[in-house]
Amino acid sequence: MSRKAKAFWITVVLGAVLAIAVADENWPMAAIFGAAVVASLWVFVHAYPRDLAPPADRRHENTLRRKAGLKPH
């Protein structure tokens, strides 16, 4: 298992434990909710930014903008 996978599962477990600690009753539902919230945050922090636009795409977009600006109107 990779380092990131271990970190993911550790944070999911910590989120579940934290939710259980806060909950008054229905601990299984609190654990599921806490784990789901932490997993969602993990995806937005670690996976989503890498999916936005790789540098090559940004360079290509800049090239297209520059070429569009050089065309006579």
PDB file of N, CA and C in Angstrom:
ATOM      1  N   MET A   1       0.850  -1.173   0.000  1.00  0.00           N
ATOM      2  CA  MET A   1       0.000   0.000   0.000  1.00  0.00           C
ATOM      3  C   MET A   1       0.898   1.238   0.000  1.00  0.00           C
ATOM      4  N   SER A   2       0.555   2.196  -0.810  1.00  0.00           N
ATOM      5  CA  SER A   2       1.377   3.400  -0.917  1.00  0.00           C
ATOM      6  C   SER A   2       1.196   4.305   0.299  1.00  0.00           C
ATOM      7  N   ARG A   3       2.083   5.268   0.390  1.00  0.00           N
ATOM      8  CA  ARG A   3       2.049   6.203   1.508  1.00  0.00           C
ATOM      9  C   ARG A   3       0.761   7.034   1.508  1.00  0.00           C
ATOM     10  N   LYS A   4       0.334   7.449   0.310  1.00  0.00           N
ATOM     11  CA  LYS A   4      -0.899   8.244   0.225  1.00  0.00           C
ATOM     12  C   LYS A   4      -2.125   7.423   0.599  1.00  0.00           C
ATOM     13  N   ALA A   5      -2.133   6.153   0.219  1.00  0.00           N
ATOM     14  CA  ALA A   5      -3.266   5.296   0.565  1.00  0.00           C
ATOM     15  C   ALA A   5      -3.344   5.096   2.075  1.00  0.00           C
ATOM     16  N   LYS A   6      -2.192   4.897   2.700  1.00  0.00           N
ATOM     17  CA  LYS A   6      -2.178   4.754   4.156  1.00  0.00           C
ATOM     18  C   LYS A   6      -2.663   6.029   4.828  1.00  0.00           C
ATOM     19  N   ALA A   7      -2.193   7.173   4.338  1.00  0.00           N
ATOM     20  CA  ALA A   7      -2.613   8.452   4.911  1.00  0.00           C
ATOM     21  C   ALA A   7      -4.120   8.651   4.728  1.00  0.00           C
ATOM     22  N   PHE A   8      -4.649   8.251   3.578  1.00  0.00           N
ATOM     23  CA  PHE A   8      -6.078   8.363   3.327  1.00  0.00           C
ATOM     24  C   PHE A   8      -6.874   7.558   4.349  1.00  0.00           C
ATOM     25  N   TRP A   9      -6.502   6.289   4.524  1.00  0.00           N
ATOM     26  CA  TRP A   9      -7.263   5.430   5.433  1.00  0.00           C
ATOM     27  C   TRP A   9      -7.111   5.870   6.885  1.00  0.00           C
ATOM     28  N   ILE A  10      -5.947   6.365   7.254  1.00  0.00           N
ATOM     29  CA  ILE A  10      -5.769   6.864   8.621  1.00  0.00           C
ATOM     30  C   ILE A  10      -6.661   8.069   8.872  1.00  0.00           C
ATOM     31  N   THR A  11      -6.732   8.987   7.916  1.00  0.00           N
ATOM     32  CA  THR A  11      -7.585  10.162   8.109  1.00  0.00           C
ATOM     33  C   THR A  11      -9.067   9.789   8.093  1.00  0.00           C
ATOM     34  N   VAL A  12      -9.446   8.793   7.291  1.00  0.00           N
ATOM     35  CA  VAL A  12     -10.845   8.345   7.281  1.00  0.00           C
ATOM     36  C   VAL A  12     -11.212   7.762   8.641  1.00  0.00           C
ATOM     37  N   VAL A  13     -10.324   6.943   9.197  1.00  0.00           N
ATOM     38  CA  VAL A  13     -10.584   6.362  10.518  1.00  0.00           C
ATOM     39  C   VAL A  13     -10.639   7.456  11.578  1.00  0.00           C
ATOM     40  N   LEU A  14      -9.730   8.424  11.507  1.00  0.00           N
ATOM     41  CA  LEU A  14      -9.758   9.526  12.473  1.00  0.00           C
ATOM     42  C   LEU A  14     -11.042  10.348  12.357  1.00  0.00           C
ATOM     43  N   GLY A  15     -11.528  10.549  11.130  1.00  0.00           N
ATOM     44  CA  GLY A  15     -12.794  11.250  10.947  1.00  0.00           C
ATOM     45  C   GLY A  15     -13.957  10.483  11.550  1.00  0.00           C
ATOM     46  N   ALA A  16     -13.949   9.168  11.399  1.00  0.00           N
ATOM     47  CA  ALA A  16     -15.008   8.341  11.982  1.00  0.00           C
ATOM     48  C   ALA A  16     -14.949   8.392  13.503  1.00  0.00           C
ATOM     49  N   VAL A  17     -13.738   8.307  14.062  1.00  0.00           N
ATOM     50  CA  VAL A  17     -13.583   8.352  15.524  1.00  0.00           C
ATOM     51  C   VAL A  17     -14.008   9.709  16.067  1.00  0.00           C
ATOM     52  N   LEU A  18     -13.642  10.769  15.378  1.00  0.00           N
ATOM     53  CA  LEU A  18     -14.032  12.114  15.814  1.00  0.00           C
ATOM     54  C   LEU A  18     -15.550  12.274  15.786  1.00  0.00           C
ATOM     55  N   ALA A  19     -16.186  11.776  14.752  1.00  0.00           N
ATOM     56  CA  ALA A  19     -17.642  11.869  14.665  1.00  0.00           C
ATOM     57  C   ALA A  19     -18.312  11.052  15.768  1.00  0.00           C
ATOM     58  N   ILE A  20     -17.765   9.897  16.086  1.00  0.00           N
ATOM     59  CA  ILE A  20     -18.311   9.080  17.175  1.00  0.00           C
ATOM     60  C   ILE A  20     -18.155   9.812  18.506  1.00  0.00           C
ATOM     61  N   ALA A  21     -17.012  10.477  18.693  1.00  0.00           N
ATOM     62  CA  ALA A  21     -16.774  11.201  19.944  1.00  0.00           C
ATOM     63  C   ALA A  21     -17.761  12.343  20.141  1.00  0.00           C
ATOM     64  N   VAL A  22     -18.199  12.942  19.052  1.00  0.00           N
ATOM     65  CA  VAL A  22     -19.129  14.078  19.133  1.00  0.00           C
ATOM     66  C   VAL A  22     -20.575  13.605  19.257  1.00  0.00           C
ATOM     67  N   ALA A  23     -20.885  12.435  18.717  1.00  0.00           N
ATOM     68  CA  ALA A  23     -22.265  11.954  18.663  1.00  0.00           C
ATOM     69  C   ALA A  23     -22.768  11.534  20.041  1.00  0.00           C
ATOM     70  N   ASP A  24     -24.045  11.804  20.288  1.00  0.00           N
ATOM     71  CA  ASP A  24     -24.688  11.378  21.528  1.00  0.00           C
ATOM     72  C   ASP A  24     -25.242   9.957  21.404  1.00  0.00           C
ATOM     73  N   GLU A  25     -25.768   9.657  20.232  1.00  0.00           N
ATOM     74  CA  GLU A  25     -26.338   8.328  19.996  1.00  0.00           C
ATOM     75  C   GLU A  25     -26.162   7.983  18.531  1.00  0.00           C
ATOM     76  N   ASN A  26     -26.518   6.781  18.164  1.00  0.00           N
ATOM     77  CA  ASN A  26     -26.397   6.272  16.795  1.00  0.00           C
ATOM     78  C   ASN A  26     -24.952   6.368  16.293  1.00  0.00           C
ATOM     79  N   TRP A  27     -24.058   5.703  17.016  1.00  0.00           N
ATOM     80  CA  TRP A  27     -22.640   5.748  16.704  1.00  0.00           C
ATOM     81  C   TRP A  27     -22.277   5.179  15.335  1.00  0.00           C
ATOM     82  N   PRO A  28     -22.920   4.108  14.869  1.00  0.00           N
ATOM     83  CA  PRO A  28     -22.555   3.619  13.527  1.00  0.00           C
ATOM     84  C   PRO A  28     -22.829   4.653  12.429  1.00  0.00           C
ATOM     85  N   MET A  29     -23.953   5.343  12.531  1.00  0.00           N
ATOM     86  CA  MET A  29     -24.258   6.373  11.533  1.00  0.00           C
ATOM     87  C   MET A  29     -23.265   7.531  11.630  1.00  0.00           C
ATOM     88  N   ALA A  30     -22.874   7.892  12.844  1.00  0.00           N
ATOM     89  CA  ALA A  30     -21.884   8.958  13.023  1.00  0.00           C
ATOM     90  C   ALA A  30     -20.551   8.548  12.415  1.00  0.00           C
ATOM     91  N   ALA A  31     -20.153   7.293  12.587  1.00  0.00           N
ATOM     92  CA  ALA A  31     -18.894   6.818  12.011  1.00  0.00           C
ATOM     93  C   ALA A  31     -18.930   6.867  10.487  1.00  0.00           C
ATOM     94  N   ILE A  32     -20.042   6.450   9.904  1.00  0.00           N
ATOM     95  CA  ILE A  32     -20.186   6.481   8.446  1.00  0.00           C
ATOM     96  C   ILE A  32     -20.148   7.919   7.948  1.00  0.00           C
ATOM     97  N   PHE A  33     -20.860   8.800   8.628  1.00  0.00           N
ATOM     98  CA  PHE A  33     -20.900  10.208   8.223  1.00  0.00           C
ATOM     99  C   PHE A  33     -19.519  10.851   8.344  1.00  0.00           C
ATOM    100  N   GLY A  34     -18.840  10.617   9.455  1.00  0.00           N
ATOM    101  CA  GLY A  34     -17.505  11.188   9.642  1.00  0.00           C
ATOM    102  C   GLY A  34     -16.519  10.694   8.603  1.00  0.00           C
ATOM    103  N   ALA A  35     -16.564   9.398   8.309  1.00  0.00           N
ATOM    104  CA  ALA A  35     -15.675   8.846   7.294  1.00  0.00           C
ATOM    105  C   ALA A  35     -15.997   9.418   5.910  1.00  0.00           C
ATOM    106  N   ALA A  36     -17.270   9.590   5.606  1.00  0.00           N
ATOM    107  CA  ALA A  36     -17.662  10.137   4.302  1.00  0.00           C
ATOM    108  C   ALA A  36     -17.230  11.590   4.149  1.00  0.00           C
ATOM    109  N   VAL A  37     -17.364  12.365   5.199  1.00  0.00           N
ATOM    110  CA  VAL A  37     -16.951  13.771   5.135  1.00  0.00           C
ATOM    111  C   VAL A  37     -15.451  13.880   4.915  1.00  0.00           C
ATOM    112  N   VAL A  38     -14.687  13.098   5.654  1.00  0.00           N
ATOM    113  CA  VAL A  38     -13.233  13.143   5.513  1.00  0.00           C
ATOM    114  C   VAL A  38     -12.803  12.643   4.137  1.00  0.00           C
ATOM    115  N   ALA A  39     -13.439  11.594   3.637  1.00  0.00           N
ATOM    116  CA  ALA A  39     -13.101  11.085   2.303  1.00  0.00           C
ATOM    117  C   ALA A  39     -13.408  12.130   1.229  1.00  0.00           C
ATOM    118  N   SER A  40     -14.521  12.831   1.368  1.00  0.00           N
ATOM    119  CA  SER A  40     -14.862  13.890   0.407  1.00  0.00           C
ATOM    120  C   SER A  40     -13.847  15.016   0.443  1.00  0.00           C
ATOM    121  N   LEU A  41     -13.471  15.433   1.636  1.00  0.00           N
ATOM    122  CA  LEU A  41     -12.469  16.493   1.757  1.00  0.00           C
ATOM    123  C   LEU A  41     -11.133  16.048   1.181  1.00  0.00           C
ATOM    124  N   TRP A  42     -10.780  14.796   1.401  1.00  0.00           N
ATOM    125  CA  TRP A  42      -9.527  14.276   0.868  1.00  0.00           C
ATOM    126  C   TRP A  42      -9.524  14.360  -0.659  1.00  0.00           C
ATOM    127  N   VAL A  43     -10.622  13.994  -1.284  1.00  0.00           N
ATOM    128  CA  VAL A  43     -10.702  14.045  -2.750  1.00  0.00           C
ATOM    129  C   VAL A  43     -10.556  15.481  -3.238  1.00  0.00           C
ATOM    130  N   PHE A  44     -11.233  16.422  -2.600  1.00  0.00           N
ATOM    131  CA  PHE A  44     -11.154  17.810  -3.043  1.00  0.00           C
ATOM    132  C   PHE A  44      -9.780  18.410  -2.816  1.00  0.00           C
ATOM    133  N   VAL A  45      -9.086  17.998  -1.767  1.00  0.00           N
ATOM    134  CA  VAL A  45      -7.767  18.573  -1.464  1.00  0.00           C
ATOM    135  C   VAL A  45      -6.667  17.907  -2.274  1.00  0.00           C
ATOM    136  N   HIS A  46      -6.725  16.587  -2.453  1.00  0.00           N
ATOM    137  CA  HIS A  46      -5.606  15.878  -3.060  1.00  0.00           C
ATOM    138  C   HIS A  46      -5.826  15.467  -4.507  1.00  0.00           C
ATOM    139  N   ALA A  47      -7.010  15.116  -4.898  1.00  0.00           N
ATOM    140  CA  ALA A  47      -7.219  14.605  -6.250  1.00  0.00           C
ATOM    141  C   ALA A  47      -7.747  15.667  -7.203  1.00  0.00           C
ATOM    142  N   TYR A  48      -8.681  16.472  -6.777  1.00  0.00           N
ATOM    143  CA  TYR A  48      -9.327  17.428  -7.680  1.00  0.00           C
ATOM    144  C   TYR A  48      -8.368  18.465  -8.262  1.00  0.00           C
ATOM    145  N   PRO A  49      -7.468  19.086  -7.476  1.00  0.00           N
ATOM    146  CA  PRO A  49      -6.577  20.093  -8.089  1.00  0.00           C
ATOM    147  C   PRO A  49      -5.694  19.528  -9.198  1.00  0.00           C
ATOM    148  N   ARG A  50      -5.304  18.282  -9.113  1.00  0.00           N
ATOM    149  CA  ARG A  50      -4.456  17.682 -10.143  1.00  0.00           C
ATOM    150  C   ARG A  50      -5.238  17.387 -11.416  1.00  0.00           C
ATOM    151  N   ASP A  51      -6.545  17.413 -11.333  1.00  0.00           N
ATOM    152  CA  ASP A  51      -7.383  17.089 -12.476  1.00  0.00           C
ATOM    153  C   ASP A  51      -7.800  18.342 -13.252  1.00  0.00           C
ATOM    154  N   LEU A  52      -7.502  19.528 -12.735  1.00  0.00           N
ATOM    155  CA  LEU A  52      -8.006  20.751 -13.353  1.00  0.00           C
ATOM    156  C   LEU A  52      -7.416  20.983 -14.742  1.00  0.00           C
ATOM    157  N   ALA A  53      -6.152  21.309 -14.827  1.00  0.00           N
ATOM    158  CA  ALA A  53      -5.531  21.547 -16.120  1.00  0.00           C
ATOM    159  C   ALA A  53      -4.033  21.325 -15.992  1.00  0.00           C
ATOM    160  N   PRO A  54      -3.513  20.346 -16.680  1.00  0.00           N
ATOM    161  CA  PRO A  54      -2.064  20.147 -16.637  1.00  0.00           C
ATOM    162  C   PRO A  54      -1.338  21.315 -17.304  1.00  0.00           C
ATOM    163  N   PRO A  55      -0.080  21.539 -16.974  1.00  0.00           N
ATOM    164  CA  PRO A  55       0.660  22.674 -17.540  1.00  0.00           C
ATOM    165  C   PRO A  55       0.702  22.673 -19.061  1.00  0.00           C
ATOM    166  N   ALA A  56       0.750  21.501 -19.690  1.00  0.00           N
ATOM    167  CA  ALA A  56       0.794  21.466 -21.151  1.00  0.00           C
ATOM    168  C   ALA A  56      -0.471  22.079 -21.749  1.00  0.00           C
ATOM    169  N   ASP A  57      -1.623  21.814 -21.143  1.00  0.00           N
ATOM    170  CA  ASP A  57      -2.867  22.399 -21.638  1.00  0.00           C
ATOM    171  C   ASP A  57      -2.853  23.911 -21.480  1.00  0.00           C
ATOM    172  N   ARG A  58      -2.326  24.389 -20.360  1.00  0.00           N
ATOM    173  CA  ARG A  58      -2.260  25.839 -20.153  1.00  0.00           C
ATOM    174  C   ARG A  58      -1.345  26.496 -21.181  1.00  0.00           C
ATOM    175  N   ARG A  59      -0.215  25.845 -21.489  1.00  0.00           N
ATOM    176  CA  ARG A  59       0.684  26.408 -22.506  1.00  0.00           C
ATOM    177  C   ARG A  59      -0.016  26.440 -23.853  1.00  0.00           C
ATOM    178  N   HIS A  60      -0.768  25.397 -24.169  1.00  0.00           N
ATOM    179  CA  HIS A  60      -1.485  25.354 -25.436  1.00  0.00           C
ATOM    180  C   HIS A  60      -2.533  26.471 -25.495  1.00  0.00           C
ATOM    181  N   GLU A  61      -3.256  26.667 -24.394  1.00  0.00           N
ATOM    182  CA  GLU A  61      -4.245  27.741 -24.356  1.00  0.00           C
ATOM    183  C   GLU A  61      -3.582  29.101 -24.536  1.00  0.00           C
ATOM    184  N   ASN A  62      -2.441  29.311 -23.901  1.00  0.00           N
ATOM    185  CA  ASN A  62      -1.726  30.580 -24.061  1.00  0.00           C
ATOM    186  C   ASN A  62      -1.270  30.776 -25.495  1.00  0.00           C
ATOM    187  N   THR A  63      -0.826  29.696 -26.145  1.00  0.00           N
ATOM    188  CA  THR A  63      -0.414  29.788 -27.549  1.00  0.00           C
ATOM    189  C   THR A  63      -1.605  30.172 -28.422  1.00  0.00           C
ATOM    190  N   LEU A  64      -2.751  29.567 -28.181  1.00  0.00           N
ATOM    191  CA  LEU A  64      -3.938  29.904 -28.970  1.00  0.00           C
ATOM    192  C   LEU A  64      -4.341  31.359 -28.761  1.00  0.00           C
ATOM    193  N   ARG A  65      -4.279  31.836 -27.527  1.00  0.00           N
ATOM    194  CA  ARG A  65      -4.608  33.244 -27.263  1.00  0.00           C
ATOM    195  C   ARG A  65      -3.640  34.178 -27.974  1.00  0.00           C
ATOM    196  N   ARG A  66      -2.347  33.833 -27.930  1.00  0.00           N
ATOM    197  CA  ARG A  66      -1.340  34.684 -28.563  1.00  0.00           C
ATOM    198  C   ARG A  66      -1.554  34.709 -30.073  1.00  0.00           C
ATOM    199  N   LYS A  67      -1.827  33.554 -30.685  1.00  0.00           N
ATOM    200  CA  LYS A  67      -2.077  33.512 -32.124  1.00  0.00           C
ATOM    201  C   LYS A  67      -3.335  34.271 -32.499  1.00  0.00           C
ATOM    202  N   ALA A  68      -4.354  34.195 -31.650  1.00  0.00           N
ATOM    203  CA  ALA A  68      -5.598  34.917 -31.932  1.00  0.00           C
ATOM    204  C   ALA A  68      -5.357  36.426 -31.868  1.00  0.00           C
ATOM    205  N   GLY A  69      -4.462  36.852 -30.998  1.00  0.00           N
ATOM    206  CA  GLY A  69      -4.164  38.278 -30.889  1.00  0.00           C
ATOM    207  C   GLY A  69      -3.347  38.800 -32.053  1.00  0.00           C
ATOM    208  N   LEU A  70      -2.615  37.933 -32.747  1.00  0.00           N
ATOM    209  CA  LEU A  70      -1.769  38.357 -33.856  1.00  0.00           C
ATOM    210  C   LEU A  70      -2.516  38.454 -35.172  1.00  0.00           C
ATOM    211  N   LYS A  71      -3.713  37.876 -35.266  1.00  0.00           N
ATOM    212  CA  LYS A  71      -4.488  37.897 -36.505  1.00  0.00           C
ATOM    213  C   LYS A  71      -4.969  39.321 -36.805  1.00  0.00           C
ATOM    214  N   PRO A  72      -4.907  39.724 -38.061  1.00  0.00           N
ATOM    215  CA  PRO A  72      -5.451  41.057 -38.410  1.00  0.00           C
ATOM    216  C   PRO A  72      -6.972  41.047 -38.341  1.00  0.00           C
ATOM    217  N   HIS A  73      -7.523  42.137 -37.928  1.00  0.00           N
ATOM    218  CA  HIS A  73      -8.983  42.235 -37.781  1.00  0.00           C
ATOM    219  C   HIS A  73      -9.610  42.912 -38.942  1.00  0.00           C
TER     220      HIS A  73
END
